[in-house]
Amino acid sequence: MRHAPPPVRPAGQEALKKQMMKEVSEEHSVQQEHSINMSCAMCCLSIVRFMMDHIDAMPLAVTARLLDTYDLLMVLCPLLETCLL
């Protein structure tokens, strides 16, 4: 949704006013909230993927802390659920 094209705007003034009022509605706000949550979750997943791509270069203590102490794999579950909803 981040790179979605802008909505098509009608040419008539009254039609444009109706569409603008519709976009301001609560449904549009919910859609924006979902889009923002999904974008944040995707950014987090991208960062974790980058870290996992370079896990061989990380010290063993860092890897152990990520997987054991912070349980990074289980932290990803809510993020994935956010993306799928």
PDB file of N, CA and C in Angstrom:
ATOM      1  N   MET A   1       0.813  -1.189   0.000  1.00  0.00           N
ATOM      2  CA  MET A   1       0.000   0.000   0.000  1.00  0.00           C
ATOM      3  C   MET A   1       0.860   1.257   0.000  1.00  0.00           C
ATOM      4  N   ARG A   2       2.075   1.123   0.449  1.00  0.00           N
ATOM      5  CA  ARG A   2       2.922   2.293   0.541  1.00  0.00           C
ATOM      6  C   ARG A   2       3.162   2.916  -0.820  1.00  0.00           C
ATOM      7  N   HIS A   3       3.259   2.074  -1.850  1.00  0.00           N
ATOM      8  CA  HIS A   3       3.544   2.573  -3.185  1.00  0.00           C
ATOM      9  C   HIS A   3       2.304   2.537  -4.062  1.00  0.00           C
ATOM     10  N   ALA A   4       1.139   2.519  -3.449  1.00  0.00           N
ATOM     11  CA  ALA A   4      -0.108   2.488  -4.205  1.00  0.00           C
ATOM     12  C   ALA A   4      -0.318   3.839  -4.877  1.00  0.00           C
ATOM     13  N   PRO A   5      -0.856   3.819  -6.084  1.00  0.00           N
ATOM     14  CA  PRO A   5      -1.123   5.096  -6.755  1.00  0.00           C
ATOM     15  C   PRO A   5      -2.229   5.848  -6.034  1.00  0.00           C
ATOM     16  N   PRO A   6      -2.251   7.153  -6.161  1.00  0.00           N
ATOM     17  CA  PRO A   6      -3.320   7.920  -5.508  1.00  0.00           C
ATOM     18  C   PRO A   6      -4.670   7.567  -6.132  1.00  0.00           C
ATOM     19  N   PRO A   7      -5.744   7.744  -5.381  1.00  0.00           N
ATOM     20  CA  PRO A   7      -7.061   7.412  -5.931  1.00  0.00           C
ATOM     21  C   PRO A   7      -7.411   8.327  -7.094  1.00  0.00           C
ATOM     22  N   VAL A   8      -8.198   7.797  -8.006  1.00  0.00           N
ATOM     23  CA  VAL A   8      -8.637   8.578  -9.162  1.00  0.00           C
ATOM     24  C   VAL A   8      -9.660   9.607  -8.674  1.00  0.00           C
ATOM     25  N   ARG A   9      -9.463  10.839  -9.038  1.00  0.00           N
ATOM     26  CA  ARG A   9     -10.342  11.927  -8.605  1.00  0.00           C
ATOM     27  C   ARG A   9     -11.365  12.222  -9.710  1.00  0.00           C
ATOM     28  N   PRO A  10     -12.640  12.328  -9.332  1.00  0.00           N
ATOM     29  CA  PRO A  10     -13.654  12.686 -10.327  1.00  0.00           C
ATOM     30  C   PRO A  10     -13.509  14.142 -10.766  1.00  0.00           C
ATOM     31  N   ALA A  11     -14.028  14.434 -11.944  1.00  0.00           N
ATOM     32  CA  ALA A  11     -13.880  15.773 -12.501  1.00  0.00           C
ATOM     33  C   ALA A  11     -14.888  16.761 -11.919  1.00  0.00           C
ATOM     34  N   GLY A  12     -16.096  16.314 -11.605  1.00  0.00           N
ATOM     35  CA  GLY A  12     -17.136  17.216 -11.109  1.00  0.00           C
ATOM     36  C   GLY A  12     -16.898  17.630  -9.666  1.00  0.00           C
ATOM     37  N   GLN A  13     -17.285  18.846  -9.342  1.00  0.00           N
ATOM     38  CA  GLN A  13     -17.039  19.385  -8.001  1.00  0.00           C
ATOM     39  C   GLN A  13     -17.826  18.624  -6.935  1.00  0.00           C
ATOM     40  N   GLU A  14     -19.075  18.317  -7.196  1.00  0.00           N
ATOM     41  CA  GLU A  14     -19.889  17.596  -6.208  1.00  0.00           C
ATOM     42  C   GLU A  14     -19.392  16.171  -6.011  1.00  0.00           C
ATOM     43  N   ALA A  15     -19.037  15.510  -7.097  1.00  0.00           N
ATOM     44  CA  ALA A  15     -18.522  14.146  -7.004  1.00  0.00           C
ATOM     45  C   ALA A  15     -17.200  14.123  -6.242  1.00  0.00           C
ATOM     46  N   LEU A  16     -16.371  15.133  -6.494  1.00  0.00           N
ATOM     47  CA  LEU A  16     -15.095  15.240  -5.789  1.00  0.00           C
ATOM     48  C   LEU A  16     -15.322  15.458  -4.295  1.00  0.00           C
ATOM     49  N   LYS A  17     -16.292  16.290  -3.954  1.00  0.00           N
ATOM     50  CA  LYS A  17     -16.605  16.556  -2.554  1.00  0.00           C
ATOM     51  C   LYS A  17     -17.075  15.272  -1.851  1.00  0.00           C
ATOM     52  N   LYS A  18     -17.930  14.501  -2.536  1.00  0.00           N
ATOM     53  CA  LYS A  18     -18.419  13.250  -1.954  1.00  0.00           C
ATOM     54  C   LYS A  18     -17.276  12.266  -1.725  1.00  0.00           C
ATOM     55  N   GLN A  19     -16.377  12.176  -2.707  1.00  0.00           N
ATOM     56  CA  GLN A  19     -15.261  11.252  -2.563  1.00  0.00           C
ATOM     57  C   GLN A  19     -14.324  11.692  -1.444  1.00  0.00           C
ATOM     58  N   MET A  20     -14.079  12.976  -1.315  1.00  0.00           N
ATOM     59  CA  MET A  20     -13.205  13.477  -0.248  1.00  0.00           C
ATOM     60  C   MET A  20     -13.813  13.193   1.126  1.00  0.00           C
ATOM     61  N   MET A  21     -15.121  13.355   1.256  1.00  0.00           N
ATOM     62  CA  MET A  21     -15.798  13.063   2.522  1.00  0.00           C
ATOM     63  C   MET A  21     -15.717  11.570   2.835  1.00  0.00           C
ATOM     64  N   LYS A  22     -15.801  10.744   1.809  1.00  0.00           N
ATOM     65  CA  LYS A  22     -15.709   9.300   1.999  1.00  0.00           C
ATOM     66  C   LYS A  22     -14.307   8.918   2.495  1.00  0.00           C
ATOM     67  N   GLU A  23     -13.274   9.554   1.932  1.00  0.00           N
ATOM     68  CA  GLU A  23     -11.902   9.244   2.317  1.00  0.00           C
ATOM     69  C   GLU A  23     -11.604   9.655   3.755  1.00  0.00           C
ATOM     70  N   VAL A  24     -12.316  10.631   4.262  1.00  0.00           N
ATOM     71  CA  VAL A  24     -12.098  11.113   5.617  1.00  0.00           C
ATOM     72  C   VAL A  24     -12.796  10.199   6.631  1.00  0.00           C
ATOM     73  N   SER A  25     -13.638   9.332   6.144  1.00  0.00           N
ATOM     74  CA  SER A  25     -14.433   8.488   7.030  1.00  0.00           C
ATOM     75  C   SER A  25     -13.551   7.581   7.884  1.00  0.00           C
ATOM     76  N   GLU A  26     -14.179   6.970   8.847  1.00  0.00           N
ATOM     77  CA  GLU A  26     -13.475   6.078   9.767  1.00  0.00           C
ATOM     78  C   GLU A  26     -12.868   4.884   9.031  1.00  0.00           C
ATOM     79  N   GLU A  27     -13.543   4.416   8.004  1.00  0.00           N
ATOM     80  CA  GLU A  27     -13.030   3.276   7.239  1.00  0.00           C
ATOM     81  C   GLU A  27     -11.665   3.595   6.638  1.00  0.00           C
ATOM     82  N   HIS A  28     -11.530   4.806   6.142  1.00  0.00           N
ATOM     83  CA  HIS A  28     -10.255   5.219   5.556  1.00  0.00           C
ATOM     84  C   HIS A  28      -9.173   5.284   6.636  1.00  0.00           C
ATOM     85  N   SER A  29      -9.543   5.752   7.818  1.00  0.00           N
ATOM     86  CA  SER A  29      -8.581   5.812   8.924  1.00  0.00           C
ATOM     87  C   SER A  29      -8.120   4.420   9.324  1.00  0.00           C
ATOM     88  N   VAL A  30      -9.045   3.483   9.351  1.00  0.00           N
ATOM     89  CA  VAL A  30      -8.695   2.101   9.687  1.00  0.00           C
ATOM     90  C   VAL A  30      -7.772   1.527   8.622  1.00  0.00           C
ATOM     91  N   GLN A  31      -8.064   1.836   7.374  1.00  0.00           N
ATOM     92  CA  GLN A  31      -7.213   1.355   6.280  1.00  0.00           C
ATOM     93  C   GLN A  31      -5.807   1.950   6.390  1.00  0.00           C
ATOM     94  N   GLN A  32      -5.702   3.219   6.732  1.00  0.00           N
ATOM     95  CA  GLN A  32      -4.392   3.847   6.903  1.00  0.00           C
ATOM     96  C   GLN A  32      -3.644   3.219   8.079  1.00  0.00           C
ATOM     97  N   GLU A  33      -4.347   2.955   9.179  1.00  0.00           N
ATOM     98  CA  GLU A  33      -3.715   2.326  10.334  1.00  0.00           C
ATOM     99  C   GLU A  33      -3.154   0.961   9.964  1.00  0.00           C
ATOM    100  N   HIS A  34      -3.933   0.188   9.236  1.00  0.00           N
ATOM    101  CA  HIS A  34      -3.470  -1.131   8.811  1.00  0.00           C
ATOM    102  C   HIS A  34      -2.246  -1.002   7.906  1.00  0.00           C
ATOM    103  N   SER A  35      -2.277  -0.041   7.007  1.00  0.00           N
ATOM    104  CA  SER A  35      -1.156   0.171   6.094  1.00  0.00           C
ATOM    105  C   SER A  35       0.112   0.556   6.857  1.00  0.00           C
ATOM    106  N   ILE A  36      -0.013   1.423   7.849  1.00  0.00           N
ATOM    107  CA  ILE A  36       1.143   1.845   8.646  1.00  0.00           C
ATOM    108  C   ILE A  36       1.681   0.671   9.462  1.00  0.00           C
ATOM    109  N   ASN A  37       0.783  -0.096  10.090  1.00  0.00           N
ATOM    110  CA  ASN A  37       1.214  -1.263  10.866  1.00  0.00           C
ATOM    111  C   ASN A  37       1.933  -2.270   9.987  1.00  0.00           C
ATOM    112  N   MET A  38       1.399  -2.496   8.791  1.00  0.00           N
ATOM    113  CA  MET A  38       2.028  -3.449   7.883  1.00  0.00           C
ATOM    114  C   MET A  38       3.403  -2.954   7.431  1.00  0.00           C
ATOM    115  N   SER A  39       3.515  -1.662   7.155  1.00  0.00           N
ATOM    116  CA  SER A  39       4.809  -1.099   6.743  1.00  0.00           C
ATOM    117  C   SER A  39       5.849  -1.232   7.853  1.00  0.00           C
ATOM    118  N   CYS A  40       5.439  -0.959   9.090  1.00  0.00           N
ATOM    119  CA  CYS A  40       6.361  -1.095  10.227  1.00  0.00           C
ATOM    120  C   CYS A  40       6.799  -2.547  10.398  1.00  0.00           C
ATOM    121  N   ALA A  41       5.847  -3.464  10.292  1.00  0.00           N
ATOM    122  CA  ALA A  41       6.171  -4.882  10.444  1.00  0.00           C
ATOM    123  C   ALA A  41       7.117  -5.338   9.339  1.00  0.00           C
ATOM    124  N   MET A  42       6.892  -4.892   8.120  1.00  0.00           N
ATOM    125  CA  MET A  42       7.763  -5.281   7.014  1.00  0.00           C
ATOM    126  C   MET A  42       9.168  -4.710   7.189  1.00  0.00           C
ATOM    127  N   CYS A  43       9.277  -3.500   7.704  1.00  0.00           N
ATOM    128  CA  CYS A  43      10.600  -2.918   7.967  1.00  0.00           C
ATOM    129  C   CYS A  43      11.338  -3.720   9.033  1.00  0.00           C
ATOM    130  N   CYS A  44      10.630  -4.100  10.094  1.00  0.00           N
ATOM    131  CA  CYS A  44      11.246  -4.909  11.145  1.00  0.00           C
ATOM    132  C   CYS A  44      11.710  -6.256  10.599  1.00  0.00           C
ATOM    133  N   LEU A  45      10.869  -6.871   9.797  1.00  0.00           N
ATOM    134  CA  LEU A  45      11.244  -8.158   9.206  1.00  0.00           C
ATOM    135  C   LEU A  45      12.447  -8.017   8.280  1.00  0.00           C
ATOM    136  N   SER A  46      12.532  -6.914   7.566  1.00  0.00           N
ATOM    137  CA  SER A  46      13.684  -6.687   6.685  1.00  0.00           C
ATOM    138  C   SER A  46      14.972  -6.545   7.489  1.00  0.00           C
ATOM    139  N   ILE A  47      14.896  -5.855   8.613  1.00  0.00           N
ATOM    140  CA  ILE A  47      16.074  -5.690   9.463  1.00  0.00           C
ATOM    141  C   ILE A  47      16.515  -7.035  10.029  1.00  0.00           C
ATOM    142  N   VAL A  48      15.548  -7.814  10.495  1.00  0.00           N
ATOM    143  CA  VAL A  48      15.883  -9.138  11.042  1.00  0.00           C
ATOM    144  C   VAL A  48      16.451 -10.030   9.951  1.00  0.00           C
ATOM    145  N   ARG A  49      15.891  -9.963   8.753  1.00  0.00           N
ATOM    146  CA  ARG A  49      16.421 -10.768   7.645  1.00  0.00           C
ATOM    147  C   ARG A  49      17.864 -10.382   7.338  1.00  0.00           C
ATOM    148  N   PHE A  50      18.162  -9.092   7.332  1.00  0.00           N
ATOM    149  CA  PHE A  50      19.525  -8.625   7.100  1.00  0.00           C
ATOM    150  C   PHE A  50      20.456  -9.171   8.171  1.00  0.00           C
ATOM    151  N   MET A  51      20.002  -9.128   9.422  1.00  0.00           N
ATOM    152  CA  MET A  51      20.829  -9.645  10.509  1.00  0.00           C
ATOM    153  C   MET A  51      21.072 -11.143  10.344  1.00  0.00           C
ATOM    154  N   MET A  52      20.046 -11.871   9.939  1.00  0.00           N
ATOM    155  CA  MET A  52      20.200 -13.319   9.782  1.00  0.00           C
ATOM    156  C   MET A  52      21.078 -13.660   8.575  1.00  0.00           C
ATOM    157  N   ASP A  53      21.063 -12.819   7.558  1.00  0.00           N
ATOM    158  CA  ASP A  53      21.953 -13.033   6.412  1.00  0.00           C
ATOM    159  C   ASP A  53      23.417 -12.916   6.824  1.00  0.00           C
ATOM    160  N   HIS A  54      23.686 -12.112   7.839  1.00  0.00           N
ATOM    161  CA  HIS A  54      25.057 -11.870   8.281  1.00  0.00           C
ATOM    162  C   HIS A  54      25.342 -12.494   9.649  1.00  0.00           C
ATOM    163  N   ILE A  55      24.584 -13.501   9.996  1.00  0.00           N
ATOM    164  CA  ILE A  55      24.745 -14.113  11.319  1.00  0.00           C
ATOM    165  C   ILE A  55      26.101 -14.810  11.455  1.00  0.00           C
ATOM    166  N   ASP A  56      26.656 -15.259  10.339  1.00  0.00           N
ATOM    167  CA  ASP A  56      27.968 -15.912  10.390  1.00  0.00           C
ATOM    168  C   ASP A  56      29.069 -14.946  10.817  1.00  0.00           C
ATOM    169  N   ALA A  57      28.894 -13.668  10.495  1.00  0.00           N
ATOM    170  CA  ALA A  57      29.909 -12.672  10.844  1.00  0.00           C
ATOM    171  C   ALA A  57      29.743 -12.153  12.270  1.00  0.00           C
ATOM    172  N   MET A  58      28.598 -12.438  12.888  1.00  0.00           N
ATOM    173  CA  MET A  58      28.353 -11.961  14.259  1.00  0.00           C
ATOM    174  C   MET A  58      29.088 -12.834  15.264  1.00  0.00           C
ATOM    175  N   PRO A  59      29.518 -12.239  16.358  1.00  0.00           N
ATOM    176  CA  PRO A  59      30.105 -13.060  17.424  1.00  0.00           C
ATOM    177  C   PRO A  59      29.065 -14.030  17.989  1.00  0.00           C
ATOM    178  N   LEU A  60      29.541 -15.128  18.493  1.00  0.00           N
ATOM    179  CA  LEU A  60      28.650 -16.150  19.030  1.00  0.00           C
ATOM    180  C   LEU A  60      27.805 -15.611  20.184  1.00  0.00           C
ATOM    181  N   ALA A  61      28.361 -14.730  20.994  1.00  0.00           N
ATOM    182  CA  ALA A  61      27.618 -14.162  22.118  1.00  0.00           C
ATOM    183  C   ALA A  61      26.407 -13.352  21.635  1.00  0.00           C
ATOM    184  N   VAL A  62      26.563 -12.616  20.538  1.00  0.00           N
ATOM    185  CA  VAL A  62      25.455 -11.831  19.993  1.00  0.00           C
ATOM    186  C   VAL A  62      24.370 -12.760  19.468  1.00  0.00           C
ATOM    187  N   THR A  63      24.768 -13.796  18.757  1.00  0.00           N
ATOM    188  CA  THR A  63      23.817 -14.763  18.227  1.00  0.00           C
ATOM    189  C   THR A  63      23.059 -15.449  19.354  1.00  0.00           C
ATOM    190  N   ALA A  64      23.781 -15.850  20.392  1.00  0.00           N
ATOM    191  CA  ALA A  64      23.131 -16.510  21.525  1.00  0.00           C
ATOM    192  C   ALA A  64      22.155 -15.568  22.217  1.00  0.00           C
ATOM    193  N   ARG A  65      22.529 -14.321  22.367  1.00  0.00           N
ATOM    194  CA  ARG A  65      21.632 -13.371  23.033  1.00  0.00           C
ATOM    195  C   ARG A  65      20.380 -13.141  22.199  1.00  0.00           C
ATOM    196  N   LEU A  66      20.533 -13.013  20.884  1.00  0.00           N
ATOM    197  CA  LEU A  66      19.368 -12.808  20.027  1.00  0.00           C
ATOM    198  C   LEU A  66      18.407 -13.990  20.081  1.00  0.00           C
ATOM    199  N   LEU A  67      18.959 -15.193  20.075  1.00  0.00           N
ATOM    200  CA  LEU A  67      18.110 -16.376  19.995  1.00  0.00           C
ATOM    201  C   LEU A  67      17.651 -16.881  21.353  1.00  0.00           C
ATOM    202  N   ASP A  68      18.486 -16.765  22.366  1.00  0.00           N
ATOM    203  CA  ASP A  68      18.126 -17.296  23.680  1.00  0.00           C
ATOM    204  C   ASP A  68      17.486 -16.238  24.582  1.00  0.00           C
ATOM    205  N   THR A  69      18.180 -15.137  24.795  1.00  0.00           N
ATOM    206  CA  THR A  69      17.702 -14.129  25.726  1.00  0.00           C
ATOM    207  C   THR A  69      16.476 -13.394  25.188  1.00  0.00           C
ATOM    208  N   TYR A  70      16.580 -12.888  23.965  1.00  0.00           N
ATOM    209  CA  TYR A  70      15.486 -12.100  23.398  1.00  0.00           C
ATOM    210  C   TYR A  70      14.475 -12.949  22.638  1.00  0.00           C
ATOM    211  N   ASP A  71      14.794 -14.207  22.392  1.00  0.00           N
ATOM    212  CA  ASP A  71      13.920 -15.132  21.670  1.00  0.00           C
ATOM    213  C   ASP A  71      13.369 -14.470  20.405  1.00  0.00           C
ATOM    214  N   LEU A  72      14.295 -14.056  19.562  1.00  0.00           N
ATOM    215  CA  LEU A  72      13.974 -13.271  18.379  1.00  0.00           C
ATOM    216  C   LEU A  72      12.975 -13.974  17.455  1.00  0.00           C
ATOM    217  N   LEU A  73      13.057 -15.278  17.371  1.00  0.00           N
ATOM    218  CA  LEU A  73      12.144 -15.999  16.485  1.00  0.00           C
ATOM    219  C   LEU A  73      10.693 -15.885  16.949  1.00  0.00           C
ATOM    220  N   MET A  74      10.461 -15.918  18.260  1.00  0.00           N
ATOM    221  CA  MET A  74       9.101 -15.789  18.767  1.00  0.00           C
ATOM    222  C   MET A  74       8.601 -14.337  18.700  1.00  0.00           C
ATOM    223  N   VAL A  75       9.522 -13.390  18.696  1.00  0.00           N
ATOM    224  CA  VAL A  75       9.132 -11.988  18.550  1.00  0.00           C
ATOM    225  C   VAL A  75       8.599 -11.735  17.144  1.00  0.00           C
ATOM    226  N   LEU A  76       9.057 -12.513  16.191  1.00  0.00           N
ATOM    227  CA  LEU A  76       8.626 -12.336  14.807  1.00  0.00           C
ATOM    228  C   LEU A  76       7.186 -12.790  14.569  1.00  0.00           C
ATOM    229  N   CYS A  77       6.677 -13.681  15.388  1.00  0.00           N
ATOM    230  CA  CYS A  77       5.326 -14.213  15.182  1.00  0.00           C
ATOM    231  C   CYS A  77       4.257 -13.122  15.170  1.00  0.00           C
ATOM    232  N   PRO A  78       4.209 -12.227  16.156  1.00  0.00           N
ATOM    233  CA  PRO A  78       3.200 -11.156  16.078  1.00  0.00           C
ATOM    234  C   PRO A  78       3.392 -10.243  14.871  1.00  0.00           C
ATOM    235  N   LEU A  79       4.652 -10.043  14.467  1.00  0.00           N
ATOM    236  CA  LEU A  79       4.890  -9.216  13.284  1.00  0.00           C
ATOM    237  C   LEU A  79       4.320  -9.880  12.035  1.00  0.00           C
ATOM    238  N   LEU A  80       4.529 -11.174  11.911  1.00  0.00           N
ATOM    239  CA  LEU A  80       3.991 -11.887  10.762  1.00  0.00           C
ATOM    240  C   LEU A  80       2.467 -11.886  10.787  1.00  0.00           C
ATOM    241  N   GLU A  81       1.879 -12.028  11.969  1.00  0.00           N
ATOM    242  CA  GLU A  81       0.425 -11.973  12.072  1.00  0.00           C
ATOM    243  C   GLU A  81      -0.094 -10.602  11.658  1.00  0.00           C
ATOM    244  N   THR A  82       0.637  -9.553  12.014  1.00  0.00           N
ATOM    245  CA  THR A  82       0.235  -8.201  11.617  1.00  0.00           C
ATOM    246  C   THR A  82       0.235  -8.068  10.104  1.00  0.00           C
ATOM    247  N   CYS A  83       1.226  -8.649   9.465  1.00  0.00           N
ATOM    248  CA  CYS A  83       1.320  -8.556   8.007  1.00  0.00           C
ATOM    249  C   CYS A  83       0.215  -9.351   7.326  1.00  0.00           C
ATOM    250  N   LEU A  84      -0.196 -10.435   7.916  1.00  0.00           N
ATOM    251  CA  LEU A  84      -1.172 -11.307   7.272  1.00  0.00           C
ATOM    252  C   LEU A  84      -2.612 -10.873   7.504  1.00  0.00           C
ATOM    253  N   LEU A  85      -2.868 -10.070   8.504  1.00  0.00           N
ATOM    254  CA  LEU A  85      -4.255  -9.667   8.795  1.00  0.00           C
ATOM    255  C   LEU A  85      -4.764  -8.656   7.807  1.00  0.00           C
TER     256      LEU A  85
END
